[in-house]
Amino acid sequence: MFQTMLKLIQKKLTDKVCDQVMEFSWSALWNITDETPDNCEMFLNCNGMKLFLECLNEFQGKQELHRNMLGLLGNVAEVKQLRPYLMTTQFISVFSRLLESNADGIEVSYNACGVLSHIIFDGDEAWTIAEPRRVEVMDRMWRAISSWDENSRRNINYRSFEPILRLLPQRVAPVSQHWATWALFNLTSVYPEKYCTLLIKENGIELLKGVIESDAARSETKDMAKNVIKFCENFKEDQMDTSS
């Protein structure tokens, strides 16, 4: 299936056609790379990044396509051993530029920030490029996150919060921690039934309490973490009221 999707994408790219087949192919790749490191590695080994850059360049106005491609790259960036392959001036510059995208609401900017959050999380020593500088990218991430509408309805589906929760208990990348907390804030406030349940189940409340107690976390991150806990407490109370 993997090779079939890549061949379809390559053919559409050669024909300069972005249609439902192209968008579905990237969407399928996004799906089959979700928390599946072997498939993420296969994407890189099959020149997936070259296809990504070429599609981005050829189909600049195709919002759904951009969202699907960035979602897939978010899956790749979640795999620690694969992140060095994304650490090039070209790739980091592209992800940084996409932070300012308004395509598909916040989705492209959000997914680009997610990719960078995982890369930034590896610390200064893993930042092996001279340009753009890590501090510049982090500044752009802060600006992007602050521009998003916290009540955005989303074109995204999380089966697990584990990759996001991984970014909470740390001191090396406050902006990655903030992106993760913002994601939980948005999802639990807009879709409490689905995502409060998931967050409680995956022990996210304890991790958020750790953020609140951390002297390394920014005050706006702590405030957001407190609100997520409050959303989940209110949700649990509402559930108890309806069941009694």
Protein backbone atom coordinates (compact mmCIF):
# COMPACT_ATOMS: atom_id res chain seq x y z
CA MET A 1 0.00 0.00 0.00
CA PHE A 2 2.79 2.40 0.93
CA GLN A 3 4.54 2.15 -2.43
CA THR A 4 1.20 2.43 -4.23
CA MET A 5 0.39 5.72 -2.49
CA LEU A 6 3.82 7.16 -3.24
CA LYS A 7 3.54 6.17 -6.91
CA LEU A 8 0.11 7.80 -7.14
CA ILE A 9 1.51 10.99 -5.60
CA GLN A 10 4.48 10.97 -7.98
CA LYS A 11 2.21 10.50 -11.01
CA LYS A 12 -0.11 13.33 -9.97
CA LEU A 13 2.91 15.54 -9.33
CA THR A 14 4.34 14.76 -12.78
CA ASP A 15 0.94 15.59 -14.31
CA LYS A 16 0.73 18.73 -12.14
CA VAL A 17 -2.70 17.65 -10.88
CA CYS A 18 -3.85 18.01 -7.29
CA ASP A 19 -7.19 16.24 -7.01
CA GLN A 20 -9.00 13.99 -4.54
CA VAL A 21 -6.66 11.10 -5.36
CA MET A 22 -3.63 13.19 -4.43
CA GLU A 23 -5.23 14.42 -1.20
CA PHE A 24 -6.48 10.93 -0.29
CA SER A 25 -3.01 9.45 -0.90
CA TRP A 26 -1.36 11.87 1.56
CA SER A 27 -4.22 11.34 4.01
CA ALA A 28 -3.72 7.56 3.81
CA LEU A 29 0.02 7.98 4.45
CA TRP A 30 -0.78 10.20 7.44
CA ASN A 31 -3.01 7.42 8.78
CA ILE A 32 -0.61 4.52 8.31
CA THR A 33 2.33 6.40 9.85
CA ASP A 34 0.38 7.25 13.02
CA GLU A 35 2.44 5.88 15.94
CA THR A 36 4.03 3.42 13.52
CA PRO A 37 7.79 4.17 13.45
CA ASP A 38 8.56 1.55 10.77
CA ASN A 39 6.19 3.24 8.32
CA CYS A 40 7.60 6.67 9.20
CA GLU A 41 11.08 5.36 8.39
CA MET A 42 9.81 3.85 5.15
CA PHE A 43 8.42 7.25 4.15
CA LEU A 44 11.87 8.82 4.60
CA ASN A 45 13.65 5.96 2.83
CA CYS A 46 11.32 6.24 -0.18
CA ASN A 47 12.22 9.90 -0.82
CA GLY A 48 9.08 11.08 0.95
CA MET A 49 10.63 14.41 1.94
CA LYS A 50 11.47 15.17 -1.69
CA LEU A 51 7.83 14.51 -2.64
CA PHE A 52 6.67 16.70 0.25
CA LEU A 53 8.79 19.66 -0.87
CA GLU A 54 7.81 19.26 -4.52
CA CYS A 55 4.08 19.06 -3.69
CA LEU A 56 4.36 22.05 -1.38
CA ASN A 57 6.02 24.04 -4.14
CA GLU A 58 3.74 22.88 -6.98
CA PHE A 59 0.40 23.14 -5.14
CA GLN A 60 0.82 26.24 -3.01
CA GLY A 61 -2.86 27.03 -2.55
CA LYS A 62 -4.08 23.53 -1.70
CA GLN A 63 -4.96 23.80 1.99
CA GLU A 64 -6.21 20.27 2.64
CA LEU A 65 -3.16 18.82 0.92
CA HIS A 66 -0.84 20.91 3.12
CA ARG A 67 -2.70 19.79 6.24
CA ASN A 68 -2.40 16.11 5.32
CA MET A 69 1.30 16.40 4.48
CA LEU A 70 2.11 18.24 7.71
CA GLY A 71 0.08 15.74 9.73
CA LEU A 72 2.20 12.93 8.30
CA LEU A 73 5.42 14.81 9.10
CA GLY A 74 4.14 15.28 12.63
CA ASN A 75 4.08 11.48 12.90
CA VAL A 76 7.65 11.28 11.60
CA ALA A 77 8.84 13.94 14.07
CA GLU A 78 7.40 11.97 16.98
CA VAL A 79 10.00 9.23 16.34
CA LYS A 80 13.19 10.31 18.13
CA GLN A 81 15.62 8.31 15.96
CA LEU A 82 14.16 9.82 12.78
CA ARG A 83 14.32 13.47 13.85
CA PRO A 84 17.96 13.94 12.74
CA TYR A 85 16.77 13.34 9.15
CA LEU A 86 14.57 16.44 9.48
CA MET A 87 17.42 18.54 10.83
CA THR A 88 18.46 20.35 7.64
CA THR A 89 18.39 24.06 6.88
CA GLN A 90 15.95 23.44 4.05
CA PHE A 91 13.42 21.43 6.08
CA ILE A 92 13.57 23.59 9.21
CA SER A 93 13.17 26.74 7.10
CA VAL A 94 10.09 25.26 5.41
CA PHE A 95 8.50 24.23 8.73
CA SER A 96 9.27 27.70 10.16
CA ARG A 97 7.67 29.41 7.19
CA LEU A 98 4.55 27.25 7.51
CA LEU A 99 4.07 28.51 11.09
CA GLU A 100 2.65 31.64 9.49
CA SER A 101 0.22 29.74 7.24
CA ASN A 102 -3.51 30.38 7.59
CA ALA A 103 -4.33 27.33 5.49
CA ASP A 104 -7.23 25.20 6.74
CA GLY A 105 -7.80 27.41 9.78
CA ILE A 106 -4.95 26.76 12.20
CA GLU A 107 -4.23 23.19 11.05
CA VAL A 108 -1.13 23.74 8.87
CA SER A 109 0.44 26.18 11.34
CA TYR A 110 -0.45 23.87 14.26
CA ASN A 111 1.05 20.79 12.57
CA ALA A 112 4.21 22.68 11.56
CA CYS A 113 4.57 23.81 15.17
CA GLY A 114 4.08 20.22 16.32
CA VAL A 115 6.89 19.01 14.05
CA LEU A 116 9.20 21.73 15.37
CA SER A 117 8.14 21.11 18.99
CA HIS A 118 9.47 17.56 18.85
CA ILE A 119 12.69 18.66 17.14
CA ILE A 120 13.27 21.54 19.61
CA PHE A 121 12.58 19.11 22.48
CA ASP A 122 15.83 17.26 21.69
CA GLY A 123 17.81 20.23 23.05
CA ASP A 124 20.47 22.60 21.83
CA GLU A 125 23.05 19.87 21.19
CA ALA A 126 20.76 18.20 18.63
CA TRP A 127 20.40 21.47 16.68
CA THR A 128 23.17 20.77 14.19
CA ILE A 129 22.46 23.53 11.65
CA ALA A 130 23.74 27.10 11.66
CA GLU A 131 20.65 28.60 10.04
CA PRO A 132 17.94 29.14 11.04
CA ARG A 133 19.04 29.44 14.65
CA ARG A 134 17.14 27.47 17.29
CA VAL A 135 16.27 30.61 19.28
CA GLU A 136 14.79 32.28 16.16
CA VAL A 137 12.62 29.25 15.42
CA MET A 138 11.41 29.15 19.03
CA ASP A 139 10.45 32.85 18.84
CA ARG A 140 8.43 32.18 15.70
CA MET A 141 6.71 29.24 17.41
CA TRP A 142 5.70 31.42 20.38
CA ARG A 143 4.27 34.03 18.00
CA ALA A 144 2.34 31.41 16.02
CA ILE A 145 0.80 29.77 19.09
CA SER A 146 -0.28 33.15 20.50
CA SER A 147 -2.07 33.93 17.20
CA TRP A 148 -4.31 30.82 17.22
CA ASP A 149 -7.93 30.93 18.30
CA GLU A 150 -8.18 28.75 21.41
CA ASN A 151 -11.76 27.82 20.50
CA SER A 152 -10.90 26.56 17.00
CA ARG A 153 -12.90 23.57 15.85
CA ARG A 154 -10.46 21.02 14.55
CA ASN A 155 -9.76 18.88 11.50
CA ILE A 156 -7.74 16.37 13.50
CA ASN A 157 -8.26 13.11 15.34
CA TYR A 158 -6.07 11.91 18.21
CA ARG A 159 -6.26 8.27 19.14
CA SER A 160 -3.74 8.83 21.93
CA PHE A 161 -2.20 11.88 23.61
CA GLU A 162 1.03 10.02 24.39
CA PRO A 163 3.21 11.94 21.88
CA ILE A 164 1.88 15.26 23.23
CA LEU A 165 2.17 14.25 26.89
CA ARG A 166 5.81 13.35 26.28
CA LEU A 167 6.55 17.06 25.84
CA LEU A 168 5.16 18.13 29.24
CA PRO A 169 7.67 16.95 31.90
CA GLN A 170 10.81 18.75 30.72
CA ARG A 171 12.98 21.84 31.09
CA VAL A 172 14.83 22.09 27.75
CA ALA A 173 12.10 23.53 25.51
CA PRO A 174 9.40 25.67 27.17
CA VAL A 175 7.85 26.41 23.77
CA SER A 176 7.36 22.67 23.08
CA GLN A 177 5.74 22.33 26.48
CA HIS A 178 3.49 25.30 25.65
CA TRP A 179 2.47 23.85 22.27
CA ALA A 180 1.53 20.57 23.99
CA THR A 181 -0.45 22.38 26.70
CA TRP A 182 -2.21 24.57 24.12
CA ALA A 183 -3.20 21.44 22.17
CA LEU A 184 -4.72 19.87 25.30
CA PHE A 185 -6.45 23.14 26.22
CA ASN A 186 -8.07 23.47 22.80
CA LEU A 187 -9.12 19.83 22.45
CA THR A 188 -10.51 19.38 25.98
CA SER A 189 -12.44 22.66 25.86
CA VAL A 190 -13.94 22.19 22.38
CA TYR A 191 -14.45 18.40 22.51
CA PRO A 192 -14.65 17.54 26.25
CA GLU A 193 -16.51 14.25 25.86
CA LYS A 194 -13.82 12.71 23.70
CA TYR A 195 -10.65 14.37 24.91
CA CYS A 196 -11.21 14.89 28.65
CA THR A 197 -11.90 11.17 28.80
CA LEU A 198 -8.71 10.39 26.87
CA LEU A 199 -6.56 12.78 28.92
CA ILE A 200 -7.78 11.34 32.24
CA LYS A 201 -7.27 7.78 30.98
CA GLU A 202 -3.67 8.49 29.91
CA ASN A 203 -2.67 10.13 33.22
CA GLY A 204 -2.40 13.58 31.67
CA ILE A 205 -3.77 15.38 34.74
CA GLU A 206 -0.74 14.34 36.83
CA LEU A 207 1.63 15.56 34.12
CA LEU A 208 -0.19 18.90 33.91
CA LYS A 209 0.12 19.28 37.69
CA GLY A 210 3.86 18.80 37.19
CA VAL A 211 3.88 21.67 34.67
CA ILE A 212 2.09 23.93 37.17
CA GLU A 213 4.67 23.09 39.85
CA SER A 214 7.68 23.49 37.54
CA ASP A 215 9.88 26.57 37.92
CA ALA A 216 10.92 26.21 34.26
CA ALA A 217 7.41 26.51 32.75
CA ARG A 218 6.16 29.89 31.54
CA SER A 219 3.29 31.53 33.46
CA GLU A 220 0.96 31.40 30.43
CA THR A 221 1.65 27.65 30.10
CA LYS A 222 0.84 27.11 33.78
CA ASP A 223 -2.41 29.09 33.45
CA MET A 224 -3.42 26.99 30.48
CA ALA A 225 -2.56 23.76 32.33
CA LYS A 226 -4.77 24.86 35.26
CA ASN A 227 -7.65 25.46 32.87
CA VAL A 228 -7.26 22.02 31.25
CA ILE A 229 -7.49 20.40 34.71
CA LYS A 230 -10.56 22.51 35.42
CA PHE A 231 -12.21 21.46 32.13
CA CYS A 232 -11.66 17.80 33.01
CA GLU A 233 -12.95 18.23 36.58
CA ASN A 234 -16.09 19.97 35.27
CA PHE A 235 -16.55 17.22 32.69
CA LYS A 236 -16.32 14.51 35.37
CA GLU A 237 -18.84 16.36 37.54
CA ASP A 238 -21.23 16.71 34.59
CA GLN A 239 -20.90 12.99 33.88
CA MET A 240 -21.72 12.15 37.49
CA ASP A 241 -24.73 14.49 37.44
CA THR A 242 -26.15 12.90 34.28
CA SER A 243 -25.62 9.35 35.57
CA SER A 244 -27.19 9.97 38.99
